Amino acid sequence: MQMPARTEVELDIFSGMPNPTWALTTAEADALARLVAELPRTAASELSGKLGYRGLVVKITRWTGTRLVRVQAGSVHIVEGGTTIQARDEGRALERWLVRTGRPHLTENIMEIVERDMR
């Protein structure tokens, strides 16, 4: 019997204190998998290490291993089993969708910072 995947999203915003996290529902996790699969692949790019909002880190854990999906300012890095795939998040649609899934778990203050950065 296969263990269901657990999909946890981390909003990468703080330095020196824990970042907000939340778990996706099964329906949200399925939608995420479809959205990521549809992203256009692209050449390698660097992710920013700036202070403040730095995007989202999605950790998908299954009994077969863990997949990390890092979403930041139009770039998506998908890491699984030592392989990294790079994709483009046109119009930051995936990033905006993930932030919306976290709205019930994030303070208004944090939402304002994120929304300001994504303009």
N, C-alpha and C. Protein backbone atom coordinates (compact mmCIF):
# COMPACT_ATOMS: atom_id res chain seq x y z
N MET A 1 0.83 -1.19 0.00
CA MET A 1 0.00 0.00 0.00
C MET A 1 0.88 1.25 0.00
N GLN A 2 0.60 2.18 -0.90
CA GLN A 2 1.40 3.39 -1.01
C GLN A 2 0.90 4.46 -0.05
N MET A 3 1.85 5.07 0.65
CA MET A 3 1.52 6.15 1.56
C MET A 3 1.18 7.40 0.74
N PRO A 4 0.10 8.12 1.07
CA PRO A 4 -0.22 9.33 0.33
C PRO A 4 0.85 10.40 0.54
N ALA A 5 1.01 11.24 -0.45
CA ALA A 5 1.99 12.31 -0.36
C ALA A 5 1.51 13.37 0.62
N ARG A 6 2.45 14.00 1.28
CA ARG A 6 2.15 15.17 2.11
C ARG A 6 2.81 16.35 1.40
N THR A 7 2.04 17.41 1.19
CA THR A 7 2.55 18.58 0.49
C THR A 7 2.47 19.77 1.42
N GLU A 8 3.64 20.29 1.78
CA GLU A 8 3.72 21.42 2.69
C GLU A 8 4.35 22.61 1.98
N VAL A 9 3.76 23.78 2.18
CA VAL A 9 4.24 25.02 1.56
C VAL A 9 4.86 25.89 2.64
N GLU A 10 6.02 26.45 2.35
CA GLU A 10 6.69 27.39 3.25
C GLU A 10 6.82 28.72 2.53
N LEU A 11 6.34 29.79 3.15
CA LEU A 11 6.51 31.13 2.62
C LEU A 11 7.87 31.62 3.11
N ASP A 12 8.82 31.79 2.20
CA ASP A 12 10.19 32.16 2.55
C ASP A 12 10.26 33.69 2.70
N ILE A 13 10.15 34.16 3.95
CA ILE A 13 10.08 35.60 4.19
C ILE A 13 10.94 36.06 5.36
N PHE A 14 11.13 35.23 6.37
CA PHE A 14 11.82 35.67 7.57
C PHE A 14 13.27 35.20 7.60
N SER A 15 14.07 35.95 8.34
CA SER A 15 15.44 35.54 8.68
C SER A 15 15.52 35.52 10.19
N GLY A 16 15.94 34.43 10.77
CA GLY A 16 16.09 34.36 12.21
C GLY A 16 14.86 33.92 12.97
N MET A 17 13.76 33.66 12.27
CA MET A 17 12.57 33.11 12.92
C MET A 17 11.87 32.18 11.93
N PRO A 18 11.03 31.28 12.42
CA PRO A 18 10.40 30.31 11.51
C PRO A 18 9.49 30.98 10.48
N ASN A 19 9.56 30.48 9.25
CA ASN A 19 8.67 30.94 8.19
C ASN A 19 7.29 30.31 8.35
N PRO A 20 6.24 31.01 7.90
CA PRO A 20 4.90 30.41 7.94
C PRO A 20 4.83 29.20 7.01
N THR A 21 4.14 28.15 7.45
CA THR A 21 3.95 26.95 6.63
C THR A 21 2.49 26.51 6.71
N TRP A 22 2.07 25.77 5.70
CA TRP A 22 0.74 25.18 5.70
C TRP A 22 0.74 23.97 4.79
N ALA A 23 -0.17 23.06 5.04
CA ALA A 23 -0.29 21.85 4.23
C ALA A 23 -1.39 22.06 3.19
N LEU A 24 -1.15 21.55 1.98
CA LEU A 24 -2.16 21.60 0.94
C LEU A 24 -3.13 20.42 1.11
N THR A 25 -4.37 20.64 0.74
CA THR A 25 -5.34 19.55 0.73
C THR A 25 -4.97 18.61 -0.42
N THR A 26 -5.57 17.44 -0.47
CA THR A 26 -5.31 16.51 -1.57
C THR A 26 -5.68 17.13 -2.90
N ALA A 27 -6.81 17.84 -2.97
CA ALA A 27 -7.22 18.49 -4.22
C ALA A 27 -6.23 19.57 -4.62
N GLU A 28 -5.75 20.36 -3.65
CA GLU A 28 -4.76 21.40 -3.96
C GLU A 28 -3.45 20.79 -4.42
N ALA A 29 -3.02 19.70 -3.77
CA ALA A 29 -1.78 19.02 -4.15
C ALA A 29 -1.88 18.47 -5.57
N ASP A 30 -3.04 17.92 -5.93
CA ASP A 30 -3.25 17.42 -7.30
C ASP A 30 -3.20 18.56 -8.30
N ALA A 31 -3.82 19.70 -7.95
CA ALA A 31 -3.79 20.87 -8.84
C ALA A 31 -2.37 21.39 -8.99
N LEU A 32 -1.62 21.41 -7.90
CA LEU A 32 -0.22 21.84 -7.95
C LEU A 32 0.58 20.96 -8.90
N ALA A 33 0.41 19.65 -8.79
CA ALA A 33 1.14 18.72 -9.67
C ALA A 33 0.84 19.02 -11.13
N ARG A 34 -0.43 19.29 -11.47
CA ARG A 34 -0.79 19.62 -12.85
C ARG A 34 -0.17 20.95 -13.28
N LEU A 35 -0.24 21.96 -12.42
CA LEU A 35 0.32 23.27 -12.74
C LEU A 35 1.83 23.19 -12.99
N VAL A 36 2.54 22.46 -12.14
CA VAL A 36 3.99 22.33 -12.29
C VAL A 36 4.33 21.57 -13.56
N ALA A 37 3.58 20.51 -13.86
CA ALA A 37 3.84 19.71 -15.07
C ALA A 37 3.65 20.53 -16.34
N GLU A 38 2.77 21.54 -16.30
CA GLU A 38 2.48 22.35 -17.48
C GLU A 38 3.44 23.51 -17.68
N LEU A 39 4.31 23.79 -16.71
CA LEU A 39 5.23 24.92 -16.83
C LEU A 39 6.24 24.68 -17.95
N PRO A 40 6.54 25.74 -18.73
CA PRO A 40 7.57 25.60 -19.77
C PRO A 40 8.95 25.47 -19.13
N ARG A 41 9.73 24.52 -19.61
CA ARG A 41 11.10 24.32 -19.11
C ARG A 41 11.99 25.43 -19.66
N THR A 42 13.03 25.75 -18.89
CA THR A 42 13.91 26.84 -19.27
C THR A 42 15.35 26.53 -18.85
N ALA A 43 16.26 27.39 -19.25
CA ALA A 43 17.67 27.24 -18.88
C ALA A 43 17.84 27.56 -17.39
N ALA A 44 18.95 27.13 -16.85
CA ALA A 44 19.23 27.34 -15.43
C ALA A 44 19.26 28.82 -15.09
N SER A 45 18.76 29.13 -13.89
CA SER A 45 18.81 30.50 -13.38
C SER A 45 19.07 30.44 -11.89
N GLU A 46 19.58 31.52 -11.36
CA GLU A 46 19.87 31.61 -9.93
C GLU A 46 18.66 32.17 -9.18
N LEU A 47 18.45 31.67 -7.99
CA LEU A 47 17.41 32.21 -7.12
C LEU A 47 18.02 33.30 -6.26
N SER A 48 17.23 34.31 -5.93
CA SER A 48 17.69 35.43 -5.13
C SER A 48 17.79 35.05 -3.66
N GLY A 49 18.78 35.59 -3.00
CA GLY A 49 18.93 35.40 -1.56
C GLY A 49 18.64 36.69 -0.81
N LYS A 50 17.89 37.61 -1.43
CA LYS A 50 17.62 38.92 -0.84
C LYS A 50 16.89 38.79 0.50
N LEU A 51 16.87 39.87 1.23
CA LEU A 51 16.10 39.90 2.47
C LEU A 51 14.64 40.15 2.15
N GLY A 52 13.75 39.76 3.07
CA GLY A 52 12.32 39.93 2.84
C GLY A 52 11.74 38.73 2.12
N TYR A 53 10.64 38.96 1.43
CA TYR A 53 9.95 37.87 0.73
C TYR A 53 10.82 37.30 -0.39
N ARG A 54 11.05 35.98 -0.35
CA ARG A 54 11.90 35.30 -1.33
C ARG A 54 11.17 34.18 -2.06
N GLY A 55 9.85 34.17 -2.01
CA GLY A 55 9.10 33.13 -2.72
C GLY A 55 8.61 32.04 -1.81
N LEU A 56 8.40 30.87 -2.41
CA LEU A 56 7.83 29.74 -1.67
C LEU A 56 8.65 28.48 -1.90
N VAL A 57 8.67 27.63 -0.90
CA VAL A 57 9.31 26.33 -1.00
C VAL A 57 8.23 25.29 -0.72
N VAL A 58 8.01 24.40 -1.68
CA VAL A 58 7.01 23.35 -1.53
C VAL A 58 7.74 22.03 -1.35
N LYS A 59 7.41 21.34 -0.29
CA LYS A 59 8.03 20.04 0.01
C LYS A 59 6.96 18.96 -0.15
N ILE A 60 7.17 18.08 -1.12
CA ILE A 60 6.24 16.99 -1.38
C ILE A 60 6.92 15.70 -0.92
N THR A 61 6.38 15.09 0.13
CA THR A 61 7.00 13.91 0.73
C THR A 61 6.16 12.68 0.44
N ARG A 62 6.79 11.69 -0.17
CA ARG A 62 6.16 10.39 -0.43
C ARG A 62 7.10 9.32 0.12
N TRP A 63 6.61 8.13 0.20
CA TRP A 63 7.47 7.05 0.72
C TRP A 63 8.66 6.82 -0.20
N THR A 64 8.54 7.21 -1.48
CA THR A 64 9.64 7.03 -2.43
C THR A 64 10.67 8.15 -2.37
N GLY A 65 10.39 9.21 -1.63
CA GLY A 65 11.34 10.30 -1.54
C GLY A 65 10.66 11.65 -1.44
N THR A 66 11.47 12.69 -1.55
CA THR A 66 10.98 14.05 -1.40
C THR A 66 11.28 14.85 -2.65
N ARG A 67 10.33 15.66 -3.05
CA ARG A 67 10.51 16.60 -4.17
C ARG A 67 10.39 18.00 -3.59
N LEU A 68 11.34 18.87 -3.91
CA LEU A 68 11.28 20.26 -3.50
C LEU A 68 10.99 21.12 -4.72
N VAL A 69 10.03 22.01 -4.58
CA VAL A 69 9.70 22.93 -5.66
C VAL A 69 9.88 24.33 -5.09
N ARG A 70 10.85 25.05 -5.62
CA ARG A 70 11.15 26.42 -5.17
C ARG A 70 10.59 27.39 -6.21
N VAL A 71 9.70 28.29 -5.79
CA VAL A 71 9.02 29.21 -6.69
C VAL A 71 9.40 30.63 -6.28
N GLN A 72 10.00 31.37 -7.22
CA GLN A 72 10.47 32.71 -6.88
C GLN A 72 10.50 33.60 -8.11
N ALA A 73 9.69 34.66 -8.10
CA ALA A 73 9.74 35.74 -9.10
C ALA A 73 9.82 35.24 -10.55
N GLY A 74 8.98 34.28 -10.90
CA GLY A 74 8.93 33.79 -12.27
C GLY A 74 9.81 32.60 -12.57
N SER A 75 10.61 32.18 -11.59
CA SER A 75 11.46 31.00 -11.76
C SER A 75 10.96 29.87 -10.87
N VAL A 76 11.06 28.65 -11.37
CA VAL A 76 10.69 27.47 -10.59
C VAL A 76 11.82 26.46 -10.69
N HIS A 77 12.32 26.02 -9.55
CA HIS A 77 13.36 24.99 -9.50
C HIS A 77 12.72 23.76 -8.86
N ILE A 78 12.77 22.64 -9.56
CA ILE A 78 12.18 21.39 -9.09
C ILE A 78 13.33 20.42 -8.84
N VAL A 79 13.50 19.99 -7.59
CA VAL A 79 14.61 19.12 -7.23
C VAL A 79 14.05 17.81 -6.71
N GLU A 80 14.49 16.72 -7.34
CA GLU A 80 14.07 15.39 -6.90
C GLU A 80 15.17 14.39 -7.24
N GLY A 81 15.59 13.64 -6.25
CA GLY A 81 16.58 12.59 -6.46
C GLY A 81 17.88 13.09 -7.11
N GLY A 82 18.35 14.25 -6.71
CA GLY A 82 19.61 14.76 -7.24
C GLY A 82 19.49 15.44 -8.59
N THR A 83 18.31 15.49 -9.16
CA THR A 83 18.09 16.13 -10.45
C THR A 83 17.33 17.44 -10.23
N THR A 84 17.78 18.49 -10.92
CA THR A 84 17.08 19.78 -10.85
C THR A 84 16.54 20.12 -12.23
N ILE A 85 15.26 20.45 -12.28
CA ILE A 85 14.61 20.91 -13.50
C ILE A 85 14.23 22.36 -13.27
N GLN A 86 14.46 23.19 -14.28
CA GLN A 86 14.12 24.61 -14.18
C GLN A 86 12.94 24.90 -15.09
N ALA A 87 12.05 25.75 -14.60
CA ALA A 87 10.87 26.10 -15.39
C ALA A 87 10.57 27.59 -15.21
N ARG A 88 9.72 28.09 -16.07
CA ARG A 88 9.33 29.50 -16.04
C ARG A 88 7.88 29.61 -15.57
N ASP A 89 7.66 30.50 -14.63
CA ASP A 89 6.32 30.75 -14.07
C ASP A 89 5.80 32.05 -14.69
N GLU A 90 5.17 31.92 -15.87
CA GLU A 90 4.69 33.08 -16.62
C GLU A 90 3.72 33.91 -15.78
N GLY A 91 4.00 35.20 -15.65
CA GLY A 91 3.13 36.08 -14.91
C GLY A 91 3.03 35.74 -13.43
N ARG A 92 3.94 34.90 -12.97
CA ARG A 92 3.97 34.44 -11.57
C ARG A 92 2.66 33.78 -11.16
N ALA A 93 2.00 33.13 -12.13
CA ALA A 93 0.68 32.50 -11.89
C ALA A 93 0.77 31.41 -10.82
N LEU A 94 1.77 30.54 -10.90
CA LEU A 94 1.91 29.47 -9.91
C LEU A 94 2.18 30.08 -8.53
N GLU A 95 3.06 31.06 -8.48
CA GLU A 95 3.39 31.72 -7.21
C GLU A 95 2.14 32.35 -6.59
N ARG A 96 1.34 33.05 -7.40
CA ARG A 96 0.11 33.69 -6.90
C ARG A 96 -0.88 32.63 -6.40
N TRP A 97 -0.99 31.52 -7.12
CA TRP A 97 -1.90 30.45 -6.73
C TRP A 97 -1.48 29.87 -5.38
N LEU A 98 -0.18 29.61 -5.21
CA LEU A 98 0.30 29.07 -3.94
C LEU A 98 0.05 30.04 -2.79
N VAL A 99 0.29 31.33 -3.02
CA VAL A 99 0.04 32.31 -1.96
C VAL A 99 -1.44 32.30 -1.58
N ARG A 100 -2.32 32.19 -2.57
CA ARG A 100 -3.77 32.14 -2.26
C ARG A 100 -4.12 30.94 -1.38
N THR A 101 -3.44 29.79 -1.58
CA THR A 101 -3.73 28.63 -0.73
C THR A 101 -3.34 28.89 0.71
N GLY A 102 -2.42 29.82 0.93
CA GLY A 102 -1.96 30.13 2.28
C GLY A 102 -2.69 31.26 2.96
N ARG A 103 -3.56 31.96 2.22
CA ARG A 103 -4.24 33.13 2.79
C ARG A 103 -4.83 32.86 4.18
N PRO A 104 -5.52 31.72 4.42
CA PRO A 104 -6.09 31.49 5.76
C PRO A 104 -5.03 31.33 6.85
N HIS A 105 -3.78 31.09 6.46
CA HIS A 105 -2.72 30.81 7.43
C HIS A 105 -1.76 31.98 7.62
N LEU A 106 -1.95 33.05 6.85
CA LEU A 106 -1.02 34.18 6.86
C LEU A 106 -1.70 35.42 7.43
N THR A 107 -0.93 36.24 8.15
CA THR A 107 -1.48 37.48 8.69
C THR A 107 -1.66 38.50 7.58
N GLU A 108 -2.49 39.48 7.82
CA GLU A 108 -2.69 40.56 6.84
C GLU A 108 -1.37 41.27 6.55
N ASN A 109 -0.56 41.46 7.58
CA ASN A 109 0.73 42.12 7.43
C ASN A 109 1.62 41.38 6.43
N ILE A 110 1.70 40.07 6.59
CA ILE A 110 2.51 39.26 5.68
C ILE A 110 1.93 39.30 4.27
N MET A 111 0.60 39.19 4.16
CA MET A 111 -0.04 39.24 2.84
C MET A 111 0.27 40.56 2.13
N GLU A 112 0.26 41.67 2.86
CA GLU A 112 0.57 42.97 2.26
C GLU A 112 2.00 43.00 1.72
N ILE A 113 2.94 42.47 2.48
CA ILE A 113 4.34 42.43 2.03
C ILE A 113 4.47 41.60 0.76
N VAL A 114 3.86 40.42 0.74
CA VAL A 114 3.94 39.52 -0.42
C VAL A 114 3.28 40.16 -1.63
N GLU A 115 2.07 40.69 -1.45
CA GLU A 115 1.37 41.29 -2.58
C GLU A 115 2.11 42.49 -3.14
N ARG A 116 2.73 43.28 -2.28
CA ARG A 116 3.53 44.43 -2.73
C ARG A 116 4.72 43.96 -3.58
N ASP A 117 5.37 42.89 -3.12
CA ASP A 117 6.53 42.36 -3.86
C ASP A 117 6.13 41.78 -5.21
N MET A 118 4.92 41.22 -5.34
CA MET A 118 4.51 40.56 -6.57
C MET A 118 3.92 41.52 -7.60
N ARG A 119 3.82 42.80 -7.30
CA ARG A 119 3.30 43.77 -8.27
C ARG A 119 4.26 43.97 -9.41
